[in-house]
Amino acid sequence: MKTESNKLLNDKIDSWAEALTERLIEIRIIDVAKIKTSLKTHLKLGLIDCLNLQITNTEKTRKELILKLNKTKGFENKQKIRNALTELNLKLKSEKMLYAELDRDRQAKEMVLWMRKKHPESILSFYKMYNEKYTKHTK
């Protein structure tokens, strides 16, 4: 099991490195901002893939515990499984929340890049409004 997941992780890392290399080759002129944005995007996508792998393992464990709970007899044994299931449900909830947070962050960054390309004047006015709004609150 460990070698299988290790191989899967190594394959994922190889595919991320290849995609990142292709993206960096596309940026012909050395533009630090573009390179930094590209690195952040690829690292976040890598994290999302890792979280997907972990969520899958957590969900498999949860299903196994539910099946075990249905087959187990005795109050004490069932209570131990229920306690483990409760802890696993909390872990699964936090993993899903983290995954959703990363996905929303990725969407926001993609929107900023799209706005810069399609409507640069709108994004400049947004940044001006944002700076005015939040610099007043910090003073």
C-alpha atoms as a PDB file:
ATOM      1  CA  MET A   1       0.000   0.000   0.000  1.00  0.00           C
ATOM      2  CA  LYS A   2       2.790   2.434   0.903  1.00  0.00           C
ATOM      3  CA  THR A   3       4.751   1.755  -2.274  1.00  0.00           C
ATOM      4  CA  GLU A   4       1.580   2.107  -4.355  1.00  0.00           C
ATOM      5  CA  SER A   5       0.751   5.497  -2.851  1.00  0.00           C
ATOM      6  CA  ASN A   6       4.422   6.528  -3.075  1.00  0.00           C
ATOM      7  CA  LYS A   7       4.461   5.620  -6.789  1.00  0.00           C
ATOM      8  CA  LEU A   8       1.199   7.500  -7.302  1.00  0.00           C
ATOM      9  CA  LEU A   9       2.603  10.566  -5.550  1.00  0.00           C
ATOM     10  CA  ASN A  10       5.823  10.402  -7.585  1.00  0.00           C
ATOM     11  CA  ASP A  11       3.796  10.147 -10.792  1.00  0.00           C
ATOM     12  CA  LYS A  12       1.759  13.199  -9.738  1.00  0.00           C
ATOM     13  CA  ILE A  13       4.921  15.172  -8.930  1.00  0.00           C
ATOM     14  CA  ASP A  14       6.397  14.253 -12.321  1.00  0.00           C
ATOM     15  CA  SER A  15       3.259  15.428 -14.120  1.00  0.00           C
ATOM     16  CA  TRP A  16       3.210  18.699 -12.126  1.00  0.00           C
ATOM     17  CA  ALA A  17       6.885  19.315 -12.898  1.00  0.00           C
ATOM     18  CA  GLU A  18       6.288  18.674 -16.588  1.00  0.00           C
ATOM     19  CA  ALA A  19       3.294  21.041 -16.714  1.00  0.00           C
ATOM     20  CA  LEU A  20       5.216  23.716 -14.825  1.00  0.00           C
ATOM     21  CA  THR A  21       8.226  23.349 -17.128  1.00  0.00           C
ATOM     22  CA  GLU A  22       6.003  23.784 -20.178  1.00  0.00           C
ATOM     23  CA  ARG A  23       4.440  26.908 -18.661  1.00  0.00           C
ATOM     24  CA  LEU A  24       7.810  28.434 -17.807  1.00  0.00           C
ATOM     25  CA  ILE A  25       9.043  27.755 -21.343  1.00  0.00           C
ATOM     26  CA  GLU A  26       5.988  29.672 -22.653  1.00  0.00           C
ATOM     27  CA  ILE A  27       7.114  32.741 -20.706  1.00  0.00           C
ATOM     28  CA  ARG A  28       9.924  33.718 -23.044  1.00  0.00           C
ATOM     29  CA  ILE A  29      10.770  37.084 -21.534  1.00  0.00           C
ATOM     30  CA  ILE A  30      11.856  36.863 -17.928  1.00  0.00           C
ATOM     31  CA  ASP A  31       8.869  38.304 -16.148  1.00  0.00           C
ATOM     32  CA  VAL A  32       9.163  37.650 -12.428  1.00  0.00           C
ATOM     33  CA  ALA A  33       5.475  38.365 -11.756  1.00  0.00           C
ATOM     34  CA  LYS A  34       4.324  35.859 -14.390  1.00  0.00           C
ATOM     35  CA  ILE A  35       6.780  33.246 -13.150  1.00  0.00           C
ATOM     36  CA  LYS A  36       5.681  33.784  -9.535  1.00  0.00           C
ATOM     37  CA  THR A  37       1.994  33.522 -10.503  1.00  0.00           C
ATOM     38  CA  SER A  38       2.652  30.405 -12.531  1.00  0.00           C
ATOM     39  CA  LEU A  39       4.572  28.776  -9.675  1.00  0.00           C
ATOM     40  CA  LYS A  40       1.791  29.576  -7.203  1.00  0.00           C
ATOM     41  CA  THR A  41      -0.873  28.206  -9.530  1.00  0.00           C
ATOM     42  CA  HIS A  42       0.981  24.955 -10.164  1.00  0.00           C
ATOM     43  CA  LEU A  43       1.815  24.452  -6.490  1.00  0.00           C
ATOM     44  CA  LYS A  44      -1.818  24.998  -5.513  1.00  0.00           C
ATOM     45  CA  LEU A  45      -2.983  22.540  -8.161  1.00  0.00           C
ATOM     46  CA  GLY A  46      -0.486  20.059  -6.740  1.00  0.00           C
ATOM     47  CA  LEU A  47      -1.851  20.596  -3.244  1.00  0.00           C
ATOM     48  CA  ILE A  48      -5.392  20.108  -4.486  1.00  0.00           C
ATOM     49  CA  ASP A  49      -4.384  16.813  -6.120  1.00  0.00           C
ATOM     50  CA  CYS A  50      -2.718  15.686  -2.886  1.00  0.00           C
ATOM     51  CA  LEU A  51      -5.814  16.587  -0.903  1.00  0.00           C
ATOM     52  CA  ASN A  52      -7.955  14.653  -3.359  1.00  0.00           C
ATOM     53  CA  LEU A  53      -5.803  11.581  -2.758  1.00  0.00           C
ATOM     54  CA  GLN A  54      -6.086  12.003   0.998  1.00  0.00           C
ATOM     55  CA  ILE A  55      -9.828  12.554   0.886  1.00  0.00           C
ATOM     56  CA  THR A  56     -10.210   9.372  -1.112  1.00  0.00           C
ATOM     57  CA  ASN A  57      -8.254   7.395   1.502  1.00  0.00           C
ATOM     58  CA  THR A  58     -10.235   8.963   4.323  1.00  0.00           C
ATOM     59  CA  GLU A  59     -13.515   8.172   2.603  1.00  0.00           C
ATOM     60  CA  LYS A  60     -12.404   4.559   2.024  1.00  0.00           C
ATOM     61  CA  THR A  61     -11.549   4.206   5.700  1.00  0.00           C
ATOM     62  CA  ARG A  62     -14.908   5.713   6.637  1.00  0.00           C
ATOM     63  CA  LYS A  63     -16.795   3.247   4.431  1.00  0.00           C
ATOM     64  CA  GLU A  64     -14.822   0.358   5.928  1.00  0.00           C
ATOM     65  CA  LEU A  65     -15.723   1.510   9.444  1.00  0.00           C
ATOM     66  CA  ILE A  66     -19.406   1.780   8.537  1.00  0.00           C
ATOM     67  CA  LEU A  67     -19.387  -1.768   7.155  1.00  0.00           C
ATOM     68  CA  LYS A  68     -17.547  -2.972  10.241  1.00  0.00           C
ATOM     69  CA  LEU A  69     -20.084  -1.194  12.464  1.00  0.00           C
ATOM     70  CA  ASN A  70     -22.969  -2.988  10.757  1.00  0.00           C
ATOM     71  CA  LYS A  71     -21.325  -6.399  11.244  1.00  0.00           C
ATOM     72  CA  THR A  72     -20.077  -5.884  14.799  1.00  0.00           C
ATOM     73  CA  LYS A  73     -21.970  -7.174  17.817  1.00  0.00           C
ATOM     74  CA  GLY A  74     -21.746  -5.910  21.349  1.00  0.00           C
ATOM     75  CA  PHE A  75     -22.306  -2.416  22.699  1.00  0.00           C
ATOM     76  CA  GLU A  76     -18.669  -1.706  23.676  1.00  0.00           C
ATOM     77  CA  ASN A  77     -17.267  -2.770  20.320  1.00  0.00           C
ATOM     78  CA  LYS A  78     -19.858  -0.736  18.448  1.00  0.00           C
ATOM     79  CA  GLN A  79     -19.149   2.281  20.660  1.00  0.00           C
ATOM     80  CA  LYS A  80     -15.411   2.113  19.852  1.00  0.00           C
ATOM     81  CA  ILE A  81     -16.189   2.031  16.145  1.00  0.00           C
ATOM     82  CA  ARG A  82     -18.654   4.930  16.509  1.00  0.00           C
ATOM     83  CA  ASN A  83     -15.995   6.994  18.306  1.00  0.00           C
ATOM     84  CA  ALA A  84     -13.479   6.265  15.549  1.00  0.00           C
ATOM     85  CA  LEU A  85     -16.129   7.117  12.963  1.00  0.00           C
ATOM     86  CA  THR A  86     -16.861  10.436  14.688  1.00  0.00           C
ATOM     87  CA  GLU A  87     -13.174  11.389  14.624  1.00  0.00           C
ATOM     88  CA  LEU A  88     -12.918  10.343  10.988  1.00  0.00           C
ATOM     89  CA  ASN A  89     -16.002  12.413  10.075  1.00  0.00           C
ATOM     90  CA  LEU A  90     -14.382  15.494  11.639  1.00  0.00           C
ATOM     91  CA  LYS A  91     -11.176  14.857   9.694  1.00  0.00           C
ATOM     92  CA  LEU A  92     -13.128  14.396   6.470  1.00  0.00           C
ATOM     93  CA  LYS A  93     -15.050  17.621   7.061  1.00  0.00           C
ATOM     94  CA  SER A  94     -11.857  19.623   7.643  1.00  0.00           C
ATOM     95  CA  GLU A  95     -10.241  18.118   4.517  1.00  0.00           C
ATOM     96  CA  LYS A  96     -13.247  19.038   2.407  1.00  0.00           C
ATOM     97  CA  MET A  97     -13.268  22.566   3.823  1.00  0.00           C
ATOM     98  CA  LEU A  98      -9.570  22.971   2.996  1.00  0.00           C
ATOM     99  CA  TYR A  99     -10.130  21.642  -0.511  1.00  0.00           C
ATOM    100  CA  ALA A 100     -13.008  24.061  -1.071  1.00  0.00           C
ATOM    101  CA  GLU A 101     -10.895  26.961   0.243  1.00  0.00           C
ATOM    102  CA  LEU A 102      -8.071  26.141  -2.174  1.00  0.00           C
ATOM    103  CA  ASP A 103     -10.521  25.819  -5.039  1.00  0.00           C
ATOM    104  CA  ARG A 104     -12.099  29.224  -4.289  1.00  0.00           C
ATOM    105  CA  ASP A 105      -8.638  30.768  -4.062  1.00  0.00           C
ATOM    106  CA  ARG A 106      -7.690  29.271  -7.426  1.00  0.00           C
ATOM    107  CA  GLN A 107     -10.903  30.580  -8.995  1.00  0.00           C
ATOM    108  CA  ALA A 108     -10.240  34.076  -7.655  1.00  0.00           C
ATOM    109  CA  LYS A 109      -6.708  34.107  -9.062  1.00  0.00           C
ATOM    110  CA  GLU A 110      -7.927  32.858 -12.429  1.00  0.00           C
ATOM    111  CA  MET A 111     -10.556  35.619 -12.441  1.00  0.00           C
ATOM    112  CA  VAL A 112      -7.894  38.250 -11.715  1.00  0.00           C
ATOM    113  CA  LEU A 113      -5.758  36.964 -14.592  1.00  0.00           C
ATOM    114  CA  TRP A 114      -8.774  36.935 -16.902  1.00  0.00           C
ATOM    115  CA  MET A 115      -9.769  40.467 -15.853  1.00  0.00           C
ATOM    116  CA  ARG A 116      -6.221  41.734 -16.411  1.00  0.00           C
ATOM    117  CA  LYS A 117      -6.310  40.340 -19.925  1.00  0.00           C
ATOM    118  CA  LYS A 118      -9.879  41.259 -20.930  1.00  0.00           C
ATOM    119  CA  HIS A 119     -10.703  44.350 -18.856  1.00  0.00           C
ATOM    120  CA  PRO A 120      -7.532  45.981 -17.495  1.00  0.00           C
ATOM    121  CA  GLU A 121      -9.279  49.281 -16.727  1.00  0.00           C
ATOM    122  CA  SER A 122     -11.874  47.517 -14.563  1.00  0.00           C
ATOM    123  CA  ILE A 123      -9.289  45.741 -12.477  1.00  0.00           C
ATOM    124  CA  LEU A 124      -7.329  48.960 -11.951  1.00  0.00           C
ATOM    125  CA  SER A 125     -10.468  50.717 -10.714  1.00  0.00           C
ATOM    126  CA  PHE A 126     -11.210  47.745  -8.449  1.00  0.00           C
ATOM    127  CA  TYR A 127      -7.727  47.865  -6.884  1.00  0.00           C
ATOM    128  CA  LYS A 128      -8.088  51.620  -6.372  1.00  0.00           C
ATOM    129  CA  MET A 129     -11.465  51.155  -4.649  1.00  0.00           C
ATOM    130  CA  TYR A 130     -10.127  48.257  -2.565  1.00  0.00           C
ATOM    131  CA  ASN A 131      -7.095  50.228  -1.380  1.00  0.00           C
ATOM    132  CA  GLU A 132      -9.230  53.243  -0.488  1.00  0.00           C
ATOM    133  CA  LYS A 133     -11.775  51.133   1.356  1.00  0.00           C
ATOM    134  CA  TYR A 134      -9.340  49.113   3.448  1.00  0.00           C
ATOM    135  CA  THR A 135      -6.718  51.760   4.160  1.00  0.00           C
ATOM    136  CA  LYS A 136      -9.460  53.805   5.860  1.00  0.00           C
ATOM    137  CA  HIS A 137     -10.316  50.860   8.140  1.00  0.00           C
ATOM    138  CA  THR A 138      -6.720  50.271   9.226  1.00  0.00           C
ATOM    139  CA  LYS A 139      -6.050  53.867  10.294  1.00  0.00           C
END
